[in-house]
Amino acid sequence: MELIIFVSIIALLLLILSAVLIKRGKRWMMGGRIIKTFIAENPTEPRKQKSRLKVHVVETRLPKAAYVGLELRQPSGFGMRLIPITLSVDEAEELSGMLRQAIDHYQSEETNS
């Protein structure tokens, strides 16, 4: 009984430590503190095969410097591959415009065929 309690406490402490390290690791990858996160998921896709995209609002120590962080998680073998991308607000707006152009082009091609 004492062994079960001891193992449970150790497991709980390891879970808490890993959560702290994962959050701190993301902070280092994004170049600042993550203030807010937006998650895009498609519930119709199978969970094992899909990529997940998260968009973060990143606060840095520099005054008046705002960043947007993109986090792309992709399944890779028996694990996950994490690709962090940090953009300035201007770069994020430019990316948003390029994505909108690609979507509009796709939709216009779809209606023409």
PDB file of N, CA and C in Angstrom:
ATOM      1  N   MET A   1       0.821  -1.196   0.000  1.00  0.00           N
ATOM      2  CA  MET A   1       0.000   0.000   0.000  1.00  0.00           C
ATOM      3  C   MET A   1       0.865   1.259   0.000  1.00  0.00           C
ATOM      4  N   GLU A   2       1.930   1.257   0.817  1.00  0.00           N
ATOM      5  CA  GLU A   2       2.826   2.405   0.872  1.00  0.00           C
ATOM      6  C   GLU A   2       3.544   2.602  -0.454  1.00  0.00           C
ATOM      7  N   LEU A   3       3.879   1.497  -1.115  1.00  0.00           N
ATOM      8  CA  LEU A   3       4.548   1.584  -2.407  1.00  0.00           C
ATOM      9  C   LEU A   3       3.636   2.224  -3.451  1.00  0.00           C
ATOM     10  N   ILE A   4       2.356   1.889  -3.444  1.00  0.00           N
ATOM     11  CA  ILE A   4       1.404   2.465  -4.397  1.00  0.00           C
ATOM     12  C   ILE A   4       1.279   3.973  -4.173  1.00  0.00           C
ATOM     13  N   ILE A   5       1.210   4.401  -2.930  1.00  0.00           N
ATOM     14  CA  ILE A   5       1.116   5.822  -2.626  1.00  0.00           C
ATOM     15  C   ILE A   5       2.383   6.539  -3.071  1.00  0.00           C
ATOM     16  N   PHE A   6       3.542   5.934  -2.792  1.00  0.00           N
ATOM     17  CA  PHE A   6       4.822   6.535  -3.182  1.00  0.00           C
ATOM     18  C   PHE A   6       4.923   6.674  -4.700  1.00  0.00           C
ATOM     19  N   VAL A   7       4.589   5.627  -5.422  1.00  0.00           N
ATOM     20  CA  VAL A   7       4.644   5.647  -6.894  1.00  0.00           C
ATOM     21  C   VAL A   7       3.654   6.674  -7.442  1.00  0.00           C
ATOM     22  N   SER A   8       2.472   6.776  -6.849  1.00  0.00           N
ATOM     23  CA  SER A   8       1.481   7.753  -7.296  1.00  0.00           C
ATOM     24  C   SER A   8       1.975   9.178  -7.104  1.00  0.00           C
ATOM     25  N   ILE A   9       2.601   9.452  -5.981  1.00  0.00           N
ATOM     26  CA  ILE A   9       3.135  10.795  -5.717  1.00  0.00           C
ATOM     27  C   ILE A   9       4.264  11.130  -6.689  1.00  0.00           C
ATOM     28  N   ILE A  10       5.152  10.193  -6.927  1.00  0.00           N
ATOM     29  CA  ILE A  10       6.248  10.405  -7.881  1.00  0.00           C
ATOM     30  C   ILE A  10       5.693  10.651  -9.284  1.00  0.00           C
ATOM     31  N   ALA A  11       4.703   9.882  -9.693  1.00  0.00           N
ATOM     32  CA  ALA A  11       4.101  10.060 -11.020  1.00  0.00           C
ATOM     33  C   ALA A  11       3.454  11.435 -11.143  1.00  0.00           C
ATOM     34  N   LEU A  12       2.762  11.876 -10.114  1.00  0.00           N
ATOM     35  CA  LEU A  12       2.130  13.192 -10.129  1.00  0.00           C
ATOM     36  C   LEU A  12       3.182  14.297 -10.223  1.00  0.00           C
ATOM     37  N   LEU A  13       4.259  14.174  -9.472  1.00  0.00           N
ATOM     38  CA  LEU A  13       5.333  15.168  -9.529  1.00  0.00           C
ATOM     39  C   LEU A  13       5.993  15.200 -10.907  1.00  0.00           C
ATOM     40  N   LEU A  14       6.182  14.039 -11.518  1.00  0.00           N
ATOM     41  CA  LEU A  14       6.756  13.986 -12.866  1.00  0.00           C
ATOM     42  C   LEU A  14       5.826  14.624 -13.896  1.00  0.00           C
ATOM     43  N   LEU A  15       4.525  14.419 -13.754  1.00  0.00           N
ATOM     44  CA  LEU A  15       3.572  15.057 -14.663  1.00  0.00           C
ATOM     45  C   LEU A  15       3.611  16.575 -14.534  1.00  0.00           C
ATOM     46  N   ILE A  16       3.663  17.070 -13.318  1.00  0.00           N
ATOM     47  CA  ILE A  16       3.729  18.512 -13.098  1.00  0.00           C
ATOM     48  C   ILE A  16       5.035  19.079 -13.669  1.00  0.00           C
ATOM     49  N   LEU A  17       6.151  18.413 -13.418  1.00  0.00           N
ATOM     50  CA  LEU A  17       7.442  18.863 -13.932  1.00  0.00           C
ATOM     51  C   LEU A  17       7.462  18.879 -15.453  1.00  0.00           C
ATOM     52  N   SER A  18       6.921  17.845 -16.091  1.00  0.00           N
ATOM     53  CA  SER A  18       6.909  17.802 -17.559  1.00  0.00           C
ATOM     54  C   SER A  18       6.025  18.911 -18.132  1.00  0.00           C
ATOM     55  N   ALA A  19       4.906  19.214 -17.480  1.00  0.00           N
ATOM     56  CA  ALA A  19       4.044  20.293 -17.962  1.00  0.00           C
ATOM     57  C   ALA A  19       4.765  21.630 -17.889  1.00  0.00           C
ATOM     58  N   VAL A  20       5.496  21.861 -16.817  1.00  0.00           N
ATOM     59  CA  VAL A  20       6.251  23.114 -16.675  1.00  0.00           C
ATOM     60  C   VAL A  20       7.347  23.197 -17.736  1.00  0.00           C
ATOM     61  N   LEU A  21       8.075  22.111 -17.950  1.00  0.00           N
ATOM     62  CA  LEU A  21       9.148  22.123 -18.937  1.00  0.00           C
ATOM     63  C   LEU A  21       8.621  22.280 -20.352  1.00  0.00           C
ATOM     64  N   ILE A  22       7.492  21.672 -20.670  1.00  0.00           N
ATOM     65  CA  ILE A  22       6.919  21.798 -22.013  1.00  0.00           C
ATOM     66  C   ILE A  22       6.505  23.243 -22.265  1.00  0.00           C
ATOM     67  N   LYS A  23       5.852  23.878 -21.303  1.00  0.00           N
ATOM     68  CA  LYS A  23       5.432  25.262 -21.469  1.00  0.00           C
ATOM     69  C   LYS A  23       6.644  26.173 -21.604  1.00  0.00           C
ATOM     70  N   ARG A  24       7.667  25.962 -20.782  1.00  0.00           N
ATOM     71  CA  ARG A  24       8.872  26.779 -20.862  1.00  0.00           C
ATOM     72  C   ARG A  24       9.599  26.545 -22.191  1.00  0.00           C
ATOM     73  N   GLY A  25       9.597  25.302 -22.669  1.00  0.00           N
ATOM     74  CA  GLY A  25      10.237  25.000 -23.944  1.00  0.00           C
ATOM     75  C   GLY A  25       9.550  25.711 -25.098  1.00  0.00           C
ATOM     76  N   LYS A  26       8.210  25.754 -25.071  1.00  0.00           N
ATOM     77  CA  LYS A  26       7.485  26.484 -26.117  1.00  0.00           C
ATOM     78  C   LYS A  26       7.818  27.966 -26.059  1.00  0.00           C
ATOM     79  N   ARG A  27       7.956  28.475 -24.839  1.00  0.00           N
ATOM     80  CA  ARG A  27       8.299  29.889 -24.663  1.00  0.00           C
ATOM     81  C   ARG A  27       9.645  30.183 -25.314  1.00  0.00           C
ATOM     82  N   TRP A  28      10.621  29.304 -25.114  1.00  0.00           N
ATOM     83  CA  TRP A  28      11.929  29.494 -25.722  1.00  0.00           C
ATOM     84  C   TRP A  28      11.850  29.393 -27.244  1.00  0.00           C
ATOM     85  N   MET A  29      11.066  28.440 -27.760  1.00  0.00           N
ATOM     86  CA  MET A  29      10.961  28.262 -29.205  1.00  0.00           C
ATOM     87  C   MET A  29      10.294  29.455 -29.881  1.00  0.00           C
ATOM     88  N   MET A  30       9.302  30.042 -29.214  1.00  0.00           N
ATOM     89  CA  MET A  30       8.558  31.154 -29.804  1.00  0.00           C
ATOM     90  C   MET A  30       9.223  32.506 -29.552  1.00  0.00           C
ATOM     91  N   GLY A  31      10.203  32.555 -28.679  1.00  0.00           N
ATOM     92  CA  GLY A  31      10.920  33.804 -28.440  1.00  0.00           C
ATOM     93  C   GLY A  31      10.250  34.751 -27.456  1.00  0.00           C
ATOM     94  N   GLY A  32       9.312  34.273 -26.675  1.00  0.00           N
ATOM     95  CA  GLY A  32       8.637  35.121 -25.695  1.00  0.00           C
ATOM     96  C   GLY A  32       7.541  34.355 -24.980  1.00  0.00           C
ATOM     97  N   ARG A  33       6.809  35.085 -24.164  1.00  0.00           N
ATOM     98  CA  ARG A  33       5.738  34.475 -23.373  1.00  0.00           C
ATOM     99  C   ARG A  33       4.476  34.346 -24.221  1.00  0.00           C
ATOM    100  N   ILE A  34       3.870  33.161 -24.206  1.00  0.00           N
ATOM    101  CA  ILE A  34       2.635  32.920 -24.958  1.00  0.00           C
ATOM    102  C   ILE A  34       1.472  33.469 -24.139  1.00  0.00           C
ATOM    103  N   ILE A  35       0.762  34.453 -24.711  1.00  0.00           N
ATOM    104  CA  ILE A  35      -0.342  35.101 -24.015  1.00  0.00           C
ATOM    105  C   ILE A  35      -1.665  34.409 -24.298  1.00  0.00           C
ATOM    106  N   LYS A  36      -1.902  34.064 -25.553  1.00  0.00           N
ATOM    107  CA  LYS A  36      -3.169  33.442 -25.950  1.00  0.00           C
ATOM    108  C   LYS A  36      -2.882  32.456 -27.068  1.00  0.00           C
ATOM    109  N   THR A  37      -3.665  31.394 -27.111  1.00  0.00           N
ATOM    110  CA  THR A  37      -3.492  30.356 -28.122  1.00  0.00           C
ATOM    111  C   THR A  37      -4.819  30.084 -28.818  1.00  0.00           C
ATOM    112  N   PHE A  38      -4.755  29.985 -30.137  1.00  0.00           N
ATOM    113  CA  PHE A  38      -5.913  29.619 -30.952  1.00  0.00           C
ATOM    114  C   PHE A  38      -5.587  28.279 -31.610  1.00  0.00           C
ATOM    115  N   ILE A  39      -6.521  27.333 -31.533  1.00  0.00           N
ATOM    116  CA  ILE A  39      -6.279  25.984 -32.054  1.00  0.00           C
ATOM    117  C   ILE A  39      -7.241  25.703 -33.193  1.00  0.00           C
ATOM    118  N   ALA A  40      -6.693  25.252 -34.319  1.00  0.00           N
ATOM    119  CA  ALA A  40      -7.512  24.861 -35.467  1.00  0.00           C
ATOM    120  C   ALA A  40      -7.504  23.347 -35.548  1.00  0.00           C
ATOM    121  N   GLU A  41      -8.681  22.753 -35.436  1.00  0.00           N
ATOM    122  CA  GLU A  41      -8.786  21.297 -35.536  1.00  0.00           C
ATOM    123  C   GLU A  41      -9.985  20.946 -36.400  1.00  0.00           C
ATOM    124  N   ASN A  42      -9.854  19.858 -37.121  1.00  0.00           N
ATOM    125  CA  ASN A  42     -10.944  19.352 -37.934  1.00  0.00           C
ATOM    126  C   ASN A  42     -11.413  18.043 -37.310  1.00  0.00           C
ATOM    127  N   PRO A  43     -12.555  18.049 -36.631  1.00  0.00           N
ATOM    128  CA  PRO A  43     -12.984  16.840 -35.922  1.00  0.00           C
ATOM    129  C   PRO A  43     -13.381  15.679 -36.831  1.00  0.00           C
ATOM    130  N   THR A  44     -13.539  15.917 -38.139  1.00  0.00           N
ATOM    131  CA  THR A  44     -13.935  14.832 -39.032  1.00  0.00           C
ATOM    132  C   THR A  44     -12.747  13.961 -39.445  1.00  0.00           C
ATOM    133  N   GLU A  45     -11.510  14.474 -39.294  1.00  0.00           N
ATOM    134  CA  GLU A  45     -10.335  13.701 -39.677  1.00  0.00           C
ATOM    135  C   GLU A  45      -9.967  12.716 -38.568  1.00  0.00           C
ATOM    136  N   PRO A  46      -9.383  11.577 -38.940  1.00  0.00           N
ATOM    137  CA  PRO A  46      -8.924  10.642 -37.911  1.00  0.00           C
ATOM    138  C   PRO A  46      -7.845  11.281 -37.040  1.00  0.00           C
ATOM    139  N   ARG A  47      -7.902  11.064 -35.762  1.00  0.00           N
ATOM    140  CA  ARG A  47      -6.997  11.713 -34.803  1.00  0.00           C
ATOM    141  C   ARG A  47      -5.536  11.333 -35.043  1.00  0.00           C
ATOM    142  N   LYS A  48      -5.265  10.097 -35.398  1.00  0.00           N
ATOM    143  CA  LYS A  48      -3.883   9.640 -35.532  1.00  0.00           C
ATOM    144  C   LYS A  48      -3.153  10.286 -36.704  1.00  0.00           C
ATOM    145  N   GLN A  49      -3.865  10.601 -37.773  1.00  0.00           N
ATOM    146  CA  GLN A  49      -3.206  11.000 -39.000  1.00  0.00           C
ATOM    147  C   GLN A  49      -3.161  12.500 -39.231  1.00  0.00           C
ATOM    148  N   LYS A  50      -3.752  13.290 -38.376  1.00  0.00           N
ATOM    149  CA  LYS A  50      -3.872  14.684 -38.723  1.00  0.00           C
ATOM    150  C   LYS A  50      -2.791  15.547 -38.094  1.00  0.00           C
ATOM    151  N   SER A  51      -2.520  16.623 -38.774  1.00  0.00           N
ATOM    152  CA  SER A  51      -1.639  17.641 -38.251  1.00  0.00           C
ATOM    153  C   SER A  51      -2.488  18.635 -37.472  1.00  0.00           C
ATOM    154  N   ARG A  52      -1.886  19.257 -36.469  1.00  0.00           N
ATOM    155  CA  ARG A  52      -2.592  20.279 -35.697  1.00  0.00           C
ATOM    156  C   ARG A  52      -1.854  21.591 -35.836  1.00  0.00           C
ATOM    157  N   LEU A  53      -2.613  22.647 -35.991  1.00  0.00           N
ATOM    158  CA  LEU A  53      -2.030  23.976 -36.093  1.00  0.00           C
ATOM    159  C   LEU A  53      -2.512  24.810 -34.924  1.00  0.00           C
ATOM    160  N   LYS A  54      -1.559  25.429 -34.236  1.00  0.00           N
ATOM    161  CA  LYS A  54      -1.886  26.359 -33.158  1.00  0.00           C
ATOM    162  C   LYS A  54      -1.278  27.706 -33.516  1.00  0.00           C
ATOM    163  N   VAL A  55      -2.012  28.758 -33.210  1.00  0.00           N
ATOM    164  CA  VAL A  55      -1.518  30.117 -33.415  1.00  0.00           C
ATOM    165  C   VAL A  55      -1.440  30.774 -32.043  1.00  0.00           C
ATOM    166  N   HIS A  56      -0.268  31.339 -31.738  1.00  0.00           N
ATOM    167  CA  HIS A  56      -0.045  31.943 -30.431  1.00  0.00           C
ATOM    168  C   HIS A  56       0.169  33.453 -30.568  1.00  0.00           C
ATOM    169  N   VAL A  57      -0.324  34.201 -29.590  1.00  0.00           N
ATOM    170  CA  VAL A  57       0.039  35.608 -29.436  1.00  0.00           C
ATOM    171  C   VAL A  57       1.233  35.598 -28.496  1.00  0.00           C
ATOM    172  N   VAL A  58       2.367  36.128 -28.971  1.00  0.00           N
ATOM    173  CA  VAL A  58       3.618  36.042 -28.223  1.00  0.00           C
ATOM    174  C   VAL A  58       4.029  37.431 -27.752  1.00  0.00           C
ATOM    175  N   GLU A  59       4.331  37.536 -26.462  1.00  0.00           N
ATOM    176  CA  GLU A  59       4.794  38.789 -25.881  1.00  0.00           C
ATOM    177  C   GLU A  59       6.299  38.668 -25.635  1.00  0.00           C
ATOM    178  N   THR A  60       7.047  39.661 -26.106  1.00  0.00           N
ATOM    179  CA  THR A  60       8.492  39.653 -25.900  1.00  0.00           C
ATOM    180  C   THR A  60       8.872  40.757 -24.926  1.00  0.00           C
ATOM    181  N   ARG A  61      10.119  40.783 -24.563  1.00  0.00           N
ATOM    182  CA  ARG A  61      10.602  41.814 -23.642  1.00  0.00           C
ATOM    183  C   ARG A  61      10.845  43.145 -24.347  1.00  0.00           C
ATOM    184  N   LEU A  62      10.916  43.122 -25.650  1.00  0.00           N
ATOM    185  CA  LEU A  62      11.144  44.355 -26.395  1.00  0.00           C
ATOM    186  C   LEU A  62       9.898  45.227 -26.352  1.00  0.00           C
ATOM    187  N   PRO A  63      10.039  46.527 -26.150  1.00  0.00           N
ATOM    188  CA  PRO A  63       8.859  47.395 -26.118  1.00  0.00           C
ATOM    189  C   PRO A  63       8.218  47.499 -27.504  1.00  0.00           C
ATOM    190  N   LYS A  64       6.921  47.455 -27.525  1.00  0.00           N
ATOM    191  CA  LYS A  64       6.117  47.598 -28.745  1.00  0.00           C
ATOM    192  C   LYS A  64       6.467  46.569 -29.817  1.00  0.00           C
ATOM    193  N   ALA A  65       6.937  45.403 -29.409  1.00  0.00           N
ATOM    194  CA  ALA A  65       7.222  44.333 -30.359  1.00  0.00           C
ATOM    195  C   ALA A  65       6.179  43.238 -30.156  1.00  0.00           C
ATOM    196  N   ALA A  66       5.377  43.028 -31.174  1.00  0.00           N
ATOM    197  CA  ALA A  66       4.337  41.999 -31.102  1.00  0.00           C
ATOM    198  C   ALA A  66       4.675  40.903 -32.107  1.00  0.00           C
ATOM    199  N   TYR A  67       4.479  39.679 -31.696  1.00  0.00           N
ATOM    200  CA  TYR A  67       4.777  38.549 -32.562  1.00  0.00           C
ATOM    201  C   TYR A  67       3.615  37.568 -32.574  1.00  0.00           C
ATOM    202  N   VAL A  68       3.549  36.815 -33.651  1.00  0.00           N
ATOM    203  CA  VAL A  68       2.584  35.746 -33.800  1.00  0.00           C
ATOM    204  C   VAL A  68       3.395  34.468 -33.972  1.00  0.00           C
ATOM    205  N   GLY A  69       3.066  33.469 -33.180  1.00  0.00           N
ATOM    206  CA  GLY A  69       3.764  32.198 -33.277  1.00  0.00           C
ATOM    207  C   GLY A  69       2.856  31.154 -33.898  1.00  0.00           C
ATOM    208  N   LEU A  70       3.392  30.406 -34.838  1.00  0.00           N
ATOM    209  CA  LEU A  70       2.674  29.287 -35.441  1.00  0.00           C
ATOM    210  C   LEU A  70       3.327  28.007 -34.942  1.00  0.00           C
ATOM    211  N   GLU A  71       2.518  27.059 -34.547  1.00  0.00           N
ATOM    212  CA  GLU A  71       3.020  25.774 -34.062  1.00  0.00           C
ATOM    213  C   GLU A  71       2.327  24.683 -34.862  1.00  0.00           C
ATOM    214  N   LEU A  72       3.086  24.000 -35.686  1.00  0.00           N
ATOM    215  CA  LEU A  72       2.549  22.919 -36.504  1.00  0.00           C
ATOM    216  C   LEU A  72       3.030  21.602 -35.913  1.00  0.00           C
ATOM    217  N   ARG A  73       2.084  20.757 -35.524  1.00  0.00           N
ATOM    218  CA  ARG A  73       2.402  19.429 -34.994  1.00  0.00           C
ATOM    219  C   ARG A  73       2.009  18.400 -36.045  1.00  0.00           C
ATOM    220  N   GLN A  74       2.968  17.546 -36.394  1.00  0.00           N
ATOM    221  CA  GLN A  74       2.716  16.509 -37.383  1.00  0.00           C
ATOM    222  C   GLN A  74       3.097  15.153 -36.813  1.00  0.00           C
ATOM    223  N   PRO A  75       2.259  14.150 -37.070  1.00  0.00           N
ATOM    224  CA  PRO A  75       2.636  12.796 -36.650  1.00  0.00           C
ATOM    225  C   PRO A  75       3.880  12.353 -37.410  1.00  0.00           C
ATOM    226  N   SER A  76       4.788  11.685 -36.714  1.00  0.00           N
ATOM    227  CA  SER A  76       6.000  11.225 -37.376  1.00  0.00           C
ATOM    228  C   SER A  76       6.420   9.907 -36.742  1.00  0.00           C
ATOM    229  N   GLY A  77       6.131   8.831 -37.400  1.00  0.00           N
ATOM    230  CA  GLY A  77       6.465   7.518 -36.851  1.00  0.00           C
ATOM    231  C   GLY A  77       5.693   7.259 -35.570  1.00  0.00           C
ATOM    232  N   PHE A  78       6.420   7.051 -34.493  1.00  0.00           N
ATOM    233  CA  PHE A  78       5.793   6.793 -33.206  1.00  0.00           C
ATOM    234  C   PHE A  78       5.717   8.041 -32.338  1.00  0.00           C
ATOM    235  N   GLY A  79       6.070   9.197 -32.900  1.00  0.00           N
ATOM    236  CA  GLY A  79       6.068  10.429 -32.111  1.00  0.00           C
ATOM    237  C   GLY A  79       5.401  11.575 -32.864  1.00  0.00           C
ATOM    238  N   MET A  80       5.710  12.768 -32.412  1.00  0.00           N
ATOM    239  CA  MET A  80       5.174  13.974 -33.045  1.00  0.00           C
ATOM    240  C   MET A  80       6.343  14.864 -33.426  1.00  0.00           C
ATOM    241  N   ARG A  81       6.177  15.596 -34.508  1.00  0.00           N
ATOM    242  CA  ARG A  81       7.168  16.564 -34.948  1.00  0.00           C
ATOM    243  C   ARG A  81       6.577  17.942 -34.741  1.00  0.00           C
ATOM    244  N   LEU A  82       7.286  18.819 -34.059  1.00  0.00           N
ATOM    245  CA  LEU A  82       6.811  20.162 -33.772  1.00  0.00           C
ATOM    246  C   LEU A  82       7.633  21.149 -34.583  1.00  0.00           C
ATOM    247  N   ILE A  83       6.946  21.999 -35.348  1.00  0.00           N
ATOM    248  CA  ILE A  83       7.615  23.015 -36.146  1.00  0.00           C
ATOM    249  C   ILE A  83       7.146  24.380 -35.653  1.00  0.00           C
ATOM    250  N   PRO A  84       8.020  25.114 -34.927  1.00  0.00           N
ATOM    251  CA  PRO A  84       7.630  26.446 -34.471  1.00  0.00           C
ATOM    252  C   PRO A  84       8.055  27.516 -35.480  1.00  0.00           C
ATOM    253  N   ILE A  85       7.200  28.490 -35.695  1.00  0.00           N
ATOM    254  CA  ILE A  85       7.497  29.613 -36.586  1.00  0.00           C
ATOM    255  C   ILE A  85       7.060  30.878 -35.855  1.00  0.00           C
ATOM    256  N   THR A  86       7.962  31.846 -35.730  1.00  0.00           N
ATOM    257  CA  THR A  86       7.631  33.111 -35.092  1.00  0.00           C
ATOM    258  C   THR A  86       7.680  34.206 -36.143  1.00  0.00           C
ATOM    259  N   LEU A  87       6.592  34.962 -36.249  1.00  0.00           N
ATOM    260  CA  LEU A  87       6.474  36.033 -37.242  1.00  0.00           C
ATOM    261  C   LEU A  87       6.163  37.347 -36.555  1.00  0.00           C
ATOM    262  N   SER A  88       6.663  38.432 -37.138  1.00  0.00           N
ATOM    263  CA  SER A  88       6.235  39.739 -36.660  1.00  0.00           C
ATOM    264  C   SER A  88       4.788  39.938 -37.114  1.00  0.00           C
ATOM    265  N   VAL A  89       4.138  40.952 -36.582  1.00  0.00           N
ATOM    266  CA  VAL A  89       2.745  41.205 -36.972  1.00  0.00           C
ATOM    267  C   VAL A  89       2.663  41.518 -38.458  1.00  0.00           C
ATOM    268  N   ASP A  90       3.627  42.280 -38.986  1.00  0.00           N
ATOM    269  CA  ASP A  90       3.629  42.596 -40.422  1.00  0.00           C
ATOM    270  C   ASP A  90       3.783  41.333 -41.269  1.00  0.00           C
ATOM    271  N   GLU A  91       4.684  40.440 -40.856  1.00  0.00           N
ATOM    272  CA  GLU A  91       4.868  39.188 -41.591  1.00  0.00           C
ATOM    273  C   GLU A  91       3.619  38.320 -41.512  1.00  0.00           C
ATOM    274  N   ALA A  92       2.959  38.308 -40.341  1.00  0.00           N
ATOM    275  CA  ALA A  92       1.730  37.523 -40.187  1.00  0.00           C
ATOM    276  C   ALA A  92       0.621  38.081 -41.073  1.00  0.00           C
ATOM    277  N   GLU A  93       0.521  39.399 -41.178  1.00  0.00           N
ATOM    278  CA  GLU A  93      -0.476  40.005 -42.063  1.00  0.00           C
ATOM    279  C   GLU A  93      -0.192  39.669 -43.521  1.00  0.00           C
ATOM    280  N   GLU A  94       1.091  39.678 -43.904  1.00  0.00           N
ATOM    281  CA  GLU A  94       1.464  39.317 -45.270  1.00  0.00           C
ATOM    282  C   GLU A  94       1.117  37.850 -45.552  1.00  0.00           C
ATOM    283  N   LEU A  95       1.397  36.962 -44.599  1.00  0.00           N
ATOM    284  CA  LEU A  95       1.046  35.549 -44.749  1.00  0.00           C
ATOM    285  C   LEU A  95      -0.464  35.379 -44.862  1.00  0.00           C
ATOM    286  N   SER A  96      -1.206  36.118 -44.047  1.00  0.00           N
ATOM    287  CA  SER A  96      -2.667  36.054 -44.101  1.00  0.00           C
ATOM    288  C   SER A  96      -3.176  36.459 -45.480  1.00  0.00           C
ATOM    289  N   GLY A  97      -2.598  37.511 -46.035  1.00  0.00           N
ATOM    290  CA  GLY A  97      -2.991  37.940 -47.384  1.00  0.00           C
ATOM    291  C   GLY A  97      -2.672  36.896 -48.440  1.00  0.00           C
ATOM    292  N   MET A  98      -1.504  36.269 -48.329  1.00  0.00           N
ATOM    293  CA  MET A  98      -1.123  35.243 -49.301  1.00  0.00           C
ATOM    294  C   MET A  98      -2.040  34.031 -49.193  1.00  0.00           C
ATOM    295  N   LEU A  99      -2.402  33.658 -47.964  1.00  0.00           N
ATOM    296  CA  LEU A  99      -3.336  32.542 -47.786  1.00  0.00           C
ATOM    297  C   LEU A  99      -4.698  32.880 -48.378  1.00  0.00           C
ATOM    298  N   ARG A 100      -5.168  34.098 -48.169  1.00  0.00           N
ATOM    299  CA  ARG A 100      -6.454  34.530 -48.721  1.00  0.00           C
ATOM    300  C   ARG A 100      -6.425  34.477 -50.247  1.00  0.00           C
ATOM    301  N   GLN A 101      -5.304  34.929 -50.861  1.00  0.00           N
ATOM    302  CA  GLN A 101      -5.177  34.872 -52.320  1.00  0.00           C
ATOM    303  C   GLN A 101      -5.235  33.432 -52.819  1.00  0.00           C
ATOM    304  N   ALA A 102      -4.550  32.523 -52.119  1.00  0.00           N
ATOM    305  CA  ALA A 102      -4.550  31.116 -52.532  1.00  0.00           C
ATOM    306  C   ALA A 102      -5.947  30.514 -52.413  1.00  0.00           C
ATOM    307  N   ILE A 103      -6.661  30.852 -51.351  1.00  0.00           N
ATOM    308  CA  ILE A 103      -8.025  30.345 -51.172  1.00  0.00           C
ATOM    309  C   ILE A 103      -8.947  30.898 -52.248  1.00  0.00           C
ATOM    310  N   ASP A 104      -8.841  32.198 -52.510  1.00  0.00           N
ATOM    311  CA  ASP A 104      -9.667  32.811 -53.553  1.00  0.00           C
ATOM    312  C   ASP A 104      -9.382  32.190 -54.915  1.00  0.00           C
ATOM    313  N   HIS A 105      -8.104  31.928 -55.200  1.00  0.00           N
ATOM    314  CA  HIS A 105      -7.740  31.308 -56.478  1.00  0.00           C
ATOM    315  C   HIS A 105      -8.342  29.907 -56.572  1.00  0.00           C
ATOM    316  N   TYR A 106      -8.243  29.141 -55.504  1.00  0.00           N
ATOM    317  CA  TYR A 106      -8.796  27.790 -55.482  1.00  0.00           C
ATOM    318  C   TYR A 106     -10.305  27.835 -55.695  1.00  0.00           C
ATOM    319  N   GLN A 107     -10.988  28.753 -55.020  1.00  0.00           N
ATOM    320  CA  GLN A 107     -12.436  28.841 -55.136  1.00  0.00           C
ATOM    321  C   GLN A 107     -12.870  29.295 -56.522  1.00  0.00           C
ATOM    322  N   SER A 108     -12.092  30.194 -57.152  1.00  0.00           N
ATOM    323  CA  SER A 108     -12.444  30.640 -58.502  1.00  0.00           C
ATOM    324  C   SER A 108     -12.208  29.512 -59.506  1.00  0.00           C
ATOM    325  N   GLU A 109     -11.162  28.712 -59.318  1.00  0.00           N
ATOM    326  CA  GLU A 109     -10.915  27.570 -60.196  1.00  0.00           C
ATOM    327  C   GLU A 109     -12.015  26.518 -60.021  1.00  0.00           C
ATOM    328  N   GLU A 110     -12.488  26.360 -58.803  1.00  0.00           N
ATOM    329  CA  GLU A 110     -13.533  25.357 -58.516  1.00  0.00           C
ATOM    330  C   GLU A 110     -14.845  25.764 -59.185  1.00  0.00           C
ATOM    331  N   THR A 111     -15.176  27.053 -59.191  1.00  0.00           N
ATOM    332  CA  THR A 111     -16.428  27.499 -59.799  1.00  0.00           C
ATOM    333  C   THR A 111     -16.353  27.486 -61.320  1.00  0.00           C
ATOM    334  N   ASN A 112     -15.141  27.631 -61.887  1.00  0.00           N
ATOM    335  CA  ASN A 112     -14.990  27.628 -63.347  1.00  0.00           C
ATOM    336  C   ASN A 112     -15.043  26.219 -63.925  1.00  0.00           C
ATOM    337  N   SER A 113     -14.796  25.203 -63.105  1.00  0.00           N
ATOM    338  CA  SER A 113     -14.784  23.852 -63.674  1.00  0.00           C
ATOM    339  C   SER A 113     -16.060  23.109 -63.484  1.00  0.00           C
TER     340      SER A 113
END
